[in-house]
Amino acid sequence: MFPFNSVFDSILITPYQNSVSEAERRLADDVQRILREDIVNPLRTMGFTSGAKVMKLRTTMQHLDGKLISSEMGPYRLLVQIVYFLSVI
């Protein structure tokens, strides 16, 4: 969805508003940066991103759901986790 659709671009650039703590805000900034620079931009420019970069995103977000790195999670569920975490719903 990200390489061919700009609807989700707000997830990539909108500052995280629901910060309870400084650590949570930093985590949200890291998730946005990884998503934007390591996943979406390569998809849009080259049509491909490496599995290692997707794993980097999953590892960064692992505290939200232990299944992010321990078992196979489909793209839909990962996207739901990202949107929910960044409170863009």
Protein backbone atom coordinates (compact mmCIF):
# COMPACT_ATOMS: atom_id res chain seq x y z
CA MET A 1 0.00 0.00 0.00
CA PHE A 2 2.72 2.49 0.90
CA PRO A 3 4.56 2.48 -2.42
CA PHE A 4 1.48 3.13 -4.54
CA ASN A 5 -0.79 5.15 -2.28
CA SER A 6 -0.19 8.43 -0.45
CA VAL A 7 -3.17 8.01 1.91
CA PHE A 8 -0.91 6.61 4.63
CA ASP A 9 1.72 9.35 4.31
CA SER A 10 0.34 11.10 7.39
CA ILE A 11 1.59 8.11 9.41
CA LEU A 12 5.08 8.84 8.13
CA ILE A 13 5.23 12.56 8.86
CA THR A 14 2.66 13.54 11.50
CA PRO A 15 4.29 14.05 14.91
CA TYR A 16 3.10 11.66 17.58
CA GLN A 17 0.51 13.53 19.67
CA ASN A 18 -0.44 11.04 22.40
CA SER A 19 2.86 11.01 24.21
CA VAL A 20 2.56 9.92 27.81
CA SER A 21 6.29 10.00 28.34
CA GLU A 22 9.45 11.14 26.62
CA ALA A 23 10.43 7.50 26.03
CA GLU A 24 7.13 6.81 24.26
CA ARG A 25 7.57 9.86 22.05
CA ARG A 26 11.11 8.76 21.14
CA LEU A 27 9.83 5.28 20.32
CA ALA A 28 7.12 6.74 18.08
CA ASP A 29 9.73 8.91 16.34
CA ASP A 30 11.92 5.83 15.79
CA VAL A 31 9.01 3.83 14.36
CA GLN A 32 8.12 6.67 11.98
CA ARG A 33 11.75 7.12 10.91
CA ILE A 34 12.31 3.41 10.27
CA LEU A 35 9.03 3.12 8.40
CA ARG A 36 9.71 6.23 6.32
CA GLU A 37 13.45 5.89 5.60
CA ASP A 38 14.08 2.14 5.68
CA ILE A 39 10.84 0.72 4.30
CA VAL A 40 8.62 3.16 2.39
CA ASN A 41 11.26 5.23 0.58
CA PRO A 42 13.11 2.15 -0.75
CA LEU A 43 9.77 0.64 -1.82
CA ARG A 44 8.90 3.79 -3.72
CA THR A 45 12.31 4.26 -5.34
CA MET A 46 13.45 0.68 -5.97
CA GLY A 47 10.26 -1.36 -5.54
CA PHE A 48 11.92 -3.47 -2.84
CA THR A 49 12.99 -3.34 0.79
CA SER A 50 14.98 -5.97 2.61
CA GLY A 51 13.57 -8.31 5.21
CA ALA A 52 16.21 -7.06 7.64
CA LYS A 53 14.67 -3.59 7.58
CA VAL A 54 11.20 -4.96 8.21
CA MET A 55 12.64 -6.99 11.11
CA LYS A 56 14.24 -3.78 12.45
CA LEU A 57 10.76 -2.21 12.57
CA ARG A 58 9.27 -5.30 14.21
CA THR A 59 12.07 -5.41 16.79
CA THR A 60 11.56 -1.73 17.61
CA MET A 61 7.85 -2.38 18.17
CA GLN A 62 8.16 -5.76 19.90
CA HIS A 63 6.93 -4.50 23.28
CA LEU A 64 3.47 -3.92 21.73
CA ASP A 65 3.02 -7.53 20.71
CA GLY A 66 5.50 -10.33 21.39
CA LYS A 67 4.39 -12.05 18.18
CA LEU A 68 5.98 -9.29 16.09
CA ILE A 69 9.31 -11.10 16.11
CA SER A 70 8.56 -14.56 17.47
CA SER A 71 6.11 -15.78 14.83
CA GLU A 72 4.86 -14.99 11.36
CA MET A 73 2.60 -11.96 11.29
CA GLY A 74 0.81 -10.95 8.12
CA PRO A 75 1.21 -7.50 6.60
CA TYR A 76 -2.35 -6.52 7.56
CA ARG A 77 -1.81 -7.22 11.25
CA LEU A 78 1.55 -5.41 11.22
CA LEU A 79 -0.07 -2.38 9.59
CA VAL A 80 -2.86 -2.42 12.19
CA GLN A 81 -0.22 -2.45 14.96
CA ILE A 82 1.61 0.51 13.39
CA VAL A 83 -1.54 2.58 12.88
CA TYR A 84 -2.83 1.79 16.35
CA PHE A 85 0.49 2.64 17.98
CA LEU A 86 0.80 5.94 16.18
CA SER A 87 -2.88 6.70 16.97
CA VAL A 88 -3.80 7.67 13.46
CA ILE A 89 -7.01 5.63 13.44
